[in-house]
Amino acid sequence: MKLTTRRILLLVTAALAMYVGVWAFFLPASWYRAFPGFGRHWLPVLGPYNEHLARDVGALYLALAVVTLSAARRAGDGRLAGTAGLAWLVFGVPHLVFHLRHLDMYGSADQVLNVVALGWFVVVGAALLVPVEPAGRPAAPR
């Protein structure tokens, strides 16, 4: 993976985490009613509103955003990027699996969007475990 690619993945992922985290932590009732936004409503079908849980989710995403932004700042540090990737995998895989098992409550478009949105964090988490190509050396032929 190229260093620029790693940094972009980290920054986009941190921005997504901030979107969820700020909204869920600071406006938990709004987040519950209207997440992910854009006229879609994914949470009410999953059960009743719980302010404590919503704020915990927000805090979790904010914590992951901090780790991810730290890794973006030092994108060449493979250990830090790998730690961020592993953190996203530890959170993202069970989160994705839960939602894969509960897609039946959504229409087709929301099913696809759920898998794509949650799959992003799993794919990026795995990608962050890939070493950066050494500078000045072309990638090995495939």
N, C-alpha and C. Protein backbone atom coordinates (compact mmCIF):
# COMPACT_ATOMS: atom_id res chain seq x y z
N MET A 1 0.85 -1.17 0.00
CA MET A 1 0.00 0.00 0.00
C MET A 1 0.90 1.23 0.00
N LYS A 2 0.46 2.25 -0.69
CA LYS A 2 1.19 3.50 -0.71
C LYS A 2 0.86 4.32 0.54
N LEU A 3 1.82 5.10 0.97
CA LEU A 3 1.64 5.92 2.16
C LEU A 3 0.46 6.88 2.00
N THR A 4 0.33 7.48 0.83
CA THR A 4 -0.79 8.41 0.58
C THR A 4 -2.13 7.68 0.68
N THR A 5 -2.20 6.48 0.16
CA THR A 5 -3.43 5.69 0.25
C THR A 5 -3.77 5.41 1.69
N ARG A 6 -2.77 5.02 2.47
CA ARG A 6 -3.00 4.74 3.89
C ARG A 6 -3.53 5.98 4.59
N ARG A 7 -2.91 7.12 4.34
CA ARG A 7 -3.33 8.36 4.99
C ARG A 7 -4.77 8.72 4.61
N ILE A 8 -5.12 8.57 3.34
CA ILE A 8 -6.49 8.87 2.89
C ILE A 8 -7.49 7.94 3.56
N LEU A 9 -7.19 6.65 3.60
CA LEU A 9 -8.09 5.70 4.27
C LEU A 9 -8.29 6.07 5.74
N LEU A 10 -7.21 6.44 6.40
CA LEU A 10 -7.29 6.83 7.81
C LEU A 10 -8.13 8.09 7.98
N LEU A 11 -7.92 9.08 7.14
CA LEU A 11 -8.65 10.34 7.27
C LEU A 11 -10.14 10.18 6.97
N VAL A 12 -10.46 9.42 5.93
CA VAL A 12 -11.88 9.18 5.61
C VAL A 12 -12.54 8.41 6.74
N THR A 13 -11.87 7.40 7.24
CA THR A 13 -12.42 6.59 8.33
C THR A 13 -12.59 7.42 9.59
N ALA A 14 -11.63 8.28 9.89
CA ALA A 14 -11.76 9.16 11.06
C ALA A 14 -12.93 10.12 10.88
N ALA A 15 -13.11 10.64 9.68
CA ALA A 15 -14.24 11.55 9.43
C ALA A 15 -15.58 10.83 9.61
N LEU A 16 -15.67 9.61 9.13
CA LEU A 16 -16.90 8.83 9.32
C LEU A 16 -17.15 8.56 10.81
N ALA A 17 -16.09 8.23 11.52
CA ALA A 17 -16.22 7.99 12.96
C ALA A 17 -16.64 9.25 13.70
N MET A 18 -16.11 10.40 13.30
CA MET A 18 -16.51 11.67 13.92
C MET A 18 -17.97 11.98 13.62
N TYR A 19 -18.42 11.70 12.41
CA TYR A 19 -19.82 11.92 12.04
C TYR A 19 -20.75 11.15 12.98
N VAL A 20 -20.47 9.86 13.14
CA VAL A 20 -21.29 9.04 14.03
C VAL A 20 -21.09 9.47 15.48
N GLY A 21 -19.85 9.62 15.89
CA GLY A 21 -19.53 9.88 17.29
C GLY A 21 -20.08 11.19 17.82
N VAL A 22 -19.88 12.27 17.09
CA VAL A 22 -20.37 13.57 17.54
C VAL A 22 -21.89 13.56 17.61
N TRP A 23 -22.53 13.04 16.58
CA TRP A 23 -23.99 13.02 16.53
C TRP A 23 -24.54 12.16 17.68
N ALA A 24 -24.03 10.93 17.81
CA ALA A 24 -24.56 10.02 18.83
C ALA A 24 -24.29 10.51 20.25
N PHE A 25 -23.13 11.10 20.48
CA PHE A 25 -22.81 11.53 21.84
C PHE A 25 -23.53 12.81 22.24
N PHE A 26 -23.53 13.79 21.34
CA PHE A 26 -24.08 15.10 21.70
C PHE A 26 -25.57 15.26 21.43
N LEU A 27 -26.12 14.48 20.49
CA LEU A 27 -27.55 14.54 20.17
C LEU A 27 -28.11 13.12 20.07
N PRO A 28 -28.06 12.37 21.17
CA PRO A 28 -28.39 10.95 21.09
C PRO A 28 -29.82 10.64 20.61
N ALA A 29 -30.80 11.43 21.01
CA ALA A 29 -32.18 11.16 20.57
C ALA A 29 -32.31 11.40 19.07
N SER A 30 -31.71 12.46 18.58
CA SER A 30 -31.73 12.75 17.14
C SER A 30 -31.01 11.65 16.37
N TRP A 31 -29.86 11.24 16.88
CA TRP A 31 -29.10 10.16 16.23
C TRP A 31 -29.94 8.90 16.16
N TYR A 32 -30.59 8.55 17.25
CA TYR A 32 -31.42 7.34 17.27
C TYR A 32 -32.55 7.43 16.24
N ARG A 33 -33.22 8.57 16.18
CA ARG A 33 -34.36 8.73 15.26
C ARG A 33 -33.95 8.75 13.80
N ALA A 34 -32.81 9.38 13.48
CA ALA A 34 -32.53 9.71 12.09
C ALA A 34 -31.25 9.12 11.51
N PHE A 35 -30.51 8.31 12.26
CA PHE A 35 -29.27 7.74 11.73
C PHE A 35 -29.59 6.75 10.61
N PRO A 36 -28.88 6.76 9.51
CA PRO A 36 -27.63 7.46 9.21
C PRO A 36 -27.80 8.84 8.59
N GLY A 37 -29.03 9.32 8.53
CA GLY A 37 -29.30 10.62 7.90
C GLY A 37 -29.75 10.39 6.47
N PHE A 38 -29.86 11.48 5.73
CA PHE A 38 -30.22 11.41 4.32
C PHE A 38 -31.58 10.74 4.10
N GLY A 39 -32.50 10.93 5.05
CA GLY A 39 -33.84 10.36 4.93
C GLY A 39 -33.96 8.90 5.31
N ARG A 40 -32.91 8.32 5.83
CA ARG A 40 -32.93 6.91 6.22
C ARG A 40 -33.02 6.83 7.75
N HIS A 41 -33.59 5.74 8.26
CA HIS A 41 -33.80 5.58 9.71
C HIS A 41 -33.51 4.12 10.07
N TRP A 42 -32.28 3.83 10.46
CA TRP A 42 -31.87 2.45 10.69
C TRP A 42 -32.03 1.97 12.12
N LEU A 43 -32.08 2.85 13.08
CA LEU A 43 -32.02 2.41 14.48
C LEU A 43 -33.37 2.07 15.12
N PRO A 44 -34.44 2.81 14.89
CA PRO A 44 -35.69 2.51 15.59
C PRO A 44 -36.18 1.08 15.41
N VAL A 45 -35.91 0.45 14.28
CA VAL A 45 -36.36 -0.93 14.06
C VAL A 45 -35.56 -1.94 14.90
N LEU A 46 -34.46 -1.49 15.49
CA LEU A 46 -33.62 -2.39 16.27
C LEU A 46 -34.00 -2.46 17.75
N GLY A 47 -34.90 -1.61 18.18
CA GLY A 47 -35.32 -1.64 19.58
C GLY A 47 -35.53 -0.24 20.10
N PRO A 48 -35.97 -0.14 21.35
CA PRO A 48 -36.29 1.18 21.92
C PRO A 48 -35.05 2.03 22.16
N TYR A 49 -35.27 3.33 22.18
CA TYR A 49 -34.22 4.30 22.45
C TYR A 49 -33.65 4.11 23.85
N ASN A 50 -32.32 4.23 23.94
CA ASN A 50 -31.63 4.15 25.22
C ASN A 50 -30.53 5.21 25.18
N GLU A 51 -30.72 6.28 25.92
CA GLU A 51 -29.76 7.38 25.89
C GLU A 51 -28.36 6.94 26.29
N HIS A 52 -28.26 6.13 27.33
CA HIS A 52 -26.96 5.66 27.79
C HIS A 52 -26.23 4.90 26.67
N LEU A 53 -26.93 3.97 26.04
CA LEU A 53 -26.32 3.21 24.95
C LEU A 53 -25.92 4.11 23.79
N ALA A 54 -26.79 5.05 23.44
CA ALA A 54 -26.48 5.96 22.32
C ALA A 54 -25.23 6.77 22.62
N ARG A 55 -25.14 7.31 23.83
CA ARG A 55 -23.96 8.10 24.18
C ARG A 55 -22.69 7.23 24.26
N ASP A 56 -22.83 6.00 24.72
CA ASP A 56 -21.69 5.08 24.73
C ASP A 56 -21.20 4.79 23.31
N VAL A 57 -22.13 4.59 22.39
CA VAL A 57 -21.76 4.37 20.99
C VAL A 57 -21.02 5.60 20.47
N GLY A 58 -21.55 6.79 20.78
CA GLY A 58 -20.87 8.01 20.36
C GLY A 58 -19.47 8.10 20.92
N ALA A 59 -19.31 7.80 22.20
CA ALA A 59 -17.99 7.86 22.82
C ALA A 59 -17.04 6.84 22.19
N LEU A 60 -17.54 5.65 21.89
CA LEU A 60 -16.72 4.63 21.24
C LEU A 60 -16.21 5.11 19.89
N TYR A 61 -17.12 5.66 19.07
CA TYR A 61 -16.70 6.16 17.76
C TYR A 61 -15.72 7.33 17.89
N LEU A 62 -15.93 8.19 18.88
CA LEU A 62 -14.99 9.29 19.09
C LEU A 62 -13.61 8.77 19.50
N ALA A 63 -13.58 7.76 20.34
CA ALA A 63 -12.30 7.16 20.74
C ALA A 63 -11.60 6.54 19.54
N LEU A 64 -12.35 5.83 18.72
CA LEU A 64 -11.75 5.24 17.52
C LEU A 64 -11.28 6.33 16.56
N ALA A 65 -12.00 7.44 16.50
CA ALA A 65 -11.57 8.56 15.65
C ALA A 65 -10.24 9.12 16.12
N VAL A 66 -10.05 9.23 17.44
CA VAL A 66 -8.78 9.74 17.98
C VAL A 66 -7.63 8.84 17.59
N VAL A 67 -7.81 7.54 17.76
CA VAL A 67 -6.75 6.59 17.38
C VAL A 67 -6.48 6.68 15.87
N THR A 68 -7.53 6.78 15.10
CA THR A 68 -7.40 6.82 13.64
C THR A 68 -6.74 8.11 13.18
N LEU A 69 -7.10 9.23 13.78
CA LEU A 69 -6.45 10.50 13.44
C LEU A 69 -4.98 10.50 13.85
N SER A 70 -4.67 9.89 14.97
CA SER A 70 -3.27 9.78 15.40
C SER A 70 -2.48 8.97 14.38
N ALA A 71 -3.07 7.90 13.90
CA ALA A 71 -2.39 7.09 12.89
C ALA A 71 -2.26 7.84 11.57
N ALA A 72 -3.25 8.66 11.21
CA ALA A 72 -3.17 9.45 9.98
C ALA A 72 -2.05 10.47 10.06
N ARG A 73 -1.90 11.03 11.24
CA ARG A 73 -0.85 12.03 11.45
C ARG A 73 0.54 11.42 11.28
N ARG A 74 0.67 10.15 11.63
CA ARG A 74 1.94 9.43 11.49
C ARG A 74 1.72 8.20 10.62
N ALA A 75 1.21 8.42 9.42
CA ALA A 75 0.80 7.32 8.54
C ALA A 75 1.95 6.38 8.20
N GLY A 76 3.18 6.83 8.28
CA GLY A 76 4.32 5.98 7.99
C GLY A 76 4.65 5.00 9.11
N ASP A 77 4.06 5.20 10.27
CA ASP A 77 4.29 4.33 11.41
C ASP A 77 3.39 3.10 11.29
N GLY A 78 3.97 2.02 10.81
CA GLY A 78 3.21 0.80 10.58
C GLY A 78 2.58 0.23 11.84
N ARG A 79 3.25 0.37 12.95
CA ARG A 79 2.70 -0.16 14.21
C ARG A 79 1.45 0.62 14.62
N LEU A 80 1.49 1.93 14.50
CA LEU A 80 0.34 2.75 14.87
C LEU A 80 -0.83 2.53 13.89
N ALA A 81 -0.53 2.48 12.61
CA ALA A 81 -1.58 2.22 11.62
C ALA A 81 -2.17 0.82 11.83
N GLY A 82 -1.31 -0.14 12.12
CA GLY A 82 -1.78 -1.50 12.38
C GLY A 82 -2.64 -1.58 13.63
N THR A 83 -2.29 -0.81 14.65
CA THR A 83 -3.11 -0.77 15.87
C THR A 83 -4.48 -0.18 15.56
N ALA A 84 -4.51 0.89 14.79
CA ALA A 84 -5.79 1.48 14.39
C ALA A 84 -6.60 0.46 13.58
N GLY A 85 -5.94 -0.20 12.65
CA GLY A 85 -6.63 -1.21 11.84
C GLY A 85 -7.18 -2.35 12.67
N LEU A 86 -6.38 -2.81 13.62
CA LEU A 86 -6.83 -3.89 14.49
C LEU A 86 -8.01 -3.45 15.37
N ALA A 87 -7.96 -2.22 15.86
CA ALA A 87 -9.08 -1.69 16.66
C ALA A 87 -10.36 -1.66 15.83
N TRP A 88 -10.25 -1.22 14.57
CA TRP A 88 -11.44 -1.21 13.71
C TRP A 88 -11.93 -2.62 13.42
N LEU A 89 -11.03 -3.56 13.27
CA LEU A 89 -11.46 -4.96 13.04
C LEU A 89 -12.14 -5.54 14.28
N VAL A 90 -11.58 -5.28 15.45
CA VAL A 90 -12.16 -5.82 16.69
C VAL A 90 -13.58 -5.28 16.88
N PHE A 91 -13.79 -4.03 16.55
CA PHE A 91 -15.13 -3.45 16.63
C PHE A 91 -15.97 -3.81 15.41
N GLY A 92 -15.39 -3.67 14.24
CA GLY A 92 -16.14 -3.76 12.99
C GLY A 92 -16.64 -5.14 12.61
N VAL A 93 -15.86 -6.18 12.86
CA VAL A 93 -16.30 -7.53 12.46
C VAL A 93 -17.54 -7.96 13.23
N PRO A 94 -17.55 -7.92 14.57
CA PRO A 94 -18.78 -8.31 15.26
C PRO A 94 -19.96 -7.39 14.95
N HIS A 95 -19.68 -6.10 14.75
CA HIS A 95 -20.74 -5.16 14.41
C HIS A 95 -21.36 -5.53 13.06
N LEU A 96 -20.51 -5.80 12.07
CA LEU A 96 -21.00 -6.21 10.76
C LEU A 96 -21.75 -7.53 10.83
N VAL A 97 -21.23 -8.50 11.55
CA VAL A 97 -21.89 -9.81 11.67
C VAL A 97 -23.27 -9.66 12.29
N PHE A 98 -23.39 -8.84 13.34
CA PHE A 98 -24.70 -8.62 13.94
C PHE A 98 -25.68 -8.10 12.90
N HIS A 99 -25.27 -7.09 12.17
CA HIS A 99 -26.18 -6.48 11.20
C HIS A 99 -26.46 -7.40 10.01
N LEU A 100 -25.51 -8.22 9.62
CA LEU A 100 -25.76 -9.19 8.55
C LEU A 100 -26.87 -10.16 8.97
N ARG A 101 -26.93 -10.46 10.25
CA ARG A 101 -27.94 -11.40 10.77
C ARG A 101 -29.30 -10.73 10.98
N HIS A 102 -29.36 -9.39 10.82
CA HIS A 102 -30.60 -8.68 11.07
C HIS A 102 -30.99 -7.76 9.90
N LEU A 103 -30.60 -8.11 8.72
CA LEU A 103 -30.91 -7.29 7.55
C LEU A 103 -32.37 -7.38 7.12
N ASP A 104 -33.06 -8.43 7.55
CA ASP A 104 -34.43 -8.67 7.09
C ASP A 104 -35.39 -7.55 7.48
N MET A 105 -35.05 -6.72 8.42
CA MET A 105 -35.94 -5.64 8.85
C MET A 105 -35.85 -4.40 7.97
N TYR A 106 -34.96 -4.43 6.98
CA TYR A 106 -34.75 -3.29 6.09
C TYR A 106 -35.17 -3.62 4.67
N GLY A 107 -35.47 -2.58 3.91
CA GLY A 107 -35.69 -2.74 2.48
C GLY A 107 -34.37 -3.02 1.77
N SER A 108 -34.45 -3.36 0.51
CA SER A 108 -33.25 -3.76 -0.26
C SER A 108 -32.17 -2.69 -0.27
N ALA A 109 -32.54 -1.44 -0.51
CA ALA A 109 -31.53 -0.36 -0.57
C ALA A 109 -30.83 -0.22 0.78
N ASP A 110 -31.59 -0.26 1.87
CA ASP A 110 -30.98 -0.12 3.19
C ASP A 110 -30.15 -1.34 3.56
N GLN A 111 -30.52 -2.51 3.07
CA GLN A 111 -29.69 -3.70 3.30
C GLN A 111 -28.32 -3.50 2.66
N VAL A 112 -28.31 -3.07 1.41
CA VAL A 112 -27.04 -2.85 0.69
C VAL A 112 -26.23 -1.76 1.38
N LEU A 113 -26.88 -0.66 1.72
CA LEU A 113 -26.18 0.45 2.36
C LEU A 113 -25.60 0.05 3.72
N ASN A 114 -26.33 -0.75 4.48
CA ASN A 114 -25.82 -1.26 5.76
C ASN A 114 -24.53 -2.04 5.56
N VAL A 115 -24.56 -2.96 4.62
CA VAL A 115 -23.39 -3.82 4.38
C VAL A 115 -22.21 -2.99 3.88
N VAL A 116 -22.47 -2.05 2.98
CA VAL A 116 -21.39 -1.21 2.45
C VAL A 116 -20.81 -0.32 3.57
N ALA A 117 -21.70 0.33 4.33
CA ALA A 117 -21.23 1.24 5.38
C ALA A 117 -20.44 0.50 6.45
N LEU A 118 -20.98 -0.62 6.92
CA LEU A 118 -20.28 -1.36 7.98
C LEU A 118 -19.09 -2.13 7.43
N GLY A 119 -19.19 -2.57 6.19
CA GLY A 119 -18.08 -3.27 5.55
C GLY A 119 -16.86 -2.38 5.36
N TRP A 120 -17.11 -1.08 5.18
CA TRP A 120 -15.99 -0.12 5.03
C TRP A 120 -15.00 -0.27 6.17
N PHE A 121 -15.52 -0.29 7.40
CA PHE A 121 -14.63 -0.32 8.57
C PHE A 121 -13.85 -1.63 8.65
N VAL A 122 -14.44 -2.71 8.20
CA VAL A 122 -13.76 -4.01 8.21
C VAL A 122 -12.68 -4.04 7.12
N VAL A 123 -13.03 -3.60 5.93
CA VAL A 123 -12.06 -3.60 4.82
C VAL A 123 -10.91 -2.66 5.12
N VAL A 124 -11.21 -1.47 5.61
CA VAL A 124 -10.14 -0.52 5.95
C VAL A 124 -9.29 -1.06 7.09
N GLY A 125 -9.93 -1.64 8.10
CA GLY A 125 -9.18 -2.22 9.20
C GLY A 125 -8.17 -3.24 8.71
N ALA A 126 -8.60 -4.11 7.81
CA ALA A 126 -7.69 -5.12 7.25
C ALA A 126 -6.61 -4.46 6.40
N ALA A 127 -6.99 -3.46 5.61
CA ALA A 127 -6.02 -2.79 4.73
C ALA A 127 -4.92 -2.09 5.54
N LEU A 128 -5.26 -1.60 6.71
CA LEU A 128 -4.27 -0.91 7.54
C LEU A 128 -3.22 -1.85 8.11
N LEU A 129 -3.46 -3.14 8.00
CA LEU A 129 -2.46 -4.12 8.44
C LEU A 129 -1.42 -4.40 7.35
N VAL A 130 -1.69 -3.91 6.14
CA VAL A 130 -0.77 -4.11 5.01
C VAL A 130 0.36 -3.09 5.12
N PRO A 131 1.61 -3.55 4.99
CA PRO A 131 2.74 -2.61 5.09
C PRO A 131 2.74 -1.60 3.95
N VAL A 132 3.33 -0.45 4.21
CA VAL A 132 3.52 0.58 3.19
C VAL A 132 4.70 0.18 2.32
N GLU A 133 4.55 0.42 1.03
CA GLU A 133 5.66 0.14 0.11
C GLU A 133 6.83 1.06 0.45
N PRO A 134 8.04 0.53 0.43
CA PRO A 134 9.21 1.39 0.71
C PRO A 134 9.30 2.52 -0.32
N ALA A 135 9.66 3.70 0.13
CA ALA A 135 9.79 4.87 -0.77
C ALA A 135 10.94 4.65 -1.72
N GLY A 136 10.73 5.05 -2.95
CA GLY A 136 11.80 4.98 -3.95
C GLY A 136 11.94 3.63 -4.63
N ARG A 137 11.23 2.63 -4.18
CA ARG A 137 11.29 1.32 -4.81
C ARG A 137 9.96 1.02 -5.48
N PRO A 138 9.98 0.61 -6.73
CA PRO A 138 8.72 0.25 -7.37
C PRO A 138 8.15 -1.02 -6.74
N ALA A 139 6.87 -1.14 -6.80
CA ALA A 139 6.21 -2.35 -6.28
C ALA A 139 6.63 -3.57 -7.09
N ALA A 140 6.66 -4.70 -6.43
CA ALA A 140 7.01 -5.96 -7.11
C ALA A 140 5.98 -6.26 -8.19
N PRO A 141 6.43 -6.81 -9.34
CA PRO A 141 5.48 -7.16 -10.39
C PRO A 141 4.51 -8.23 -9.91
N ARG A 142 3.31 -8.18 -10.45
CA ARG A 142 2.29 -9.16 -10.04
C ARG A 142 2.18 -10.25 -11.03
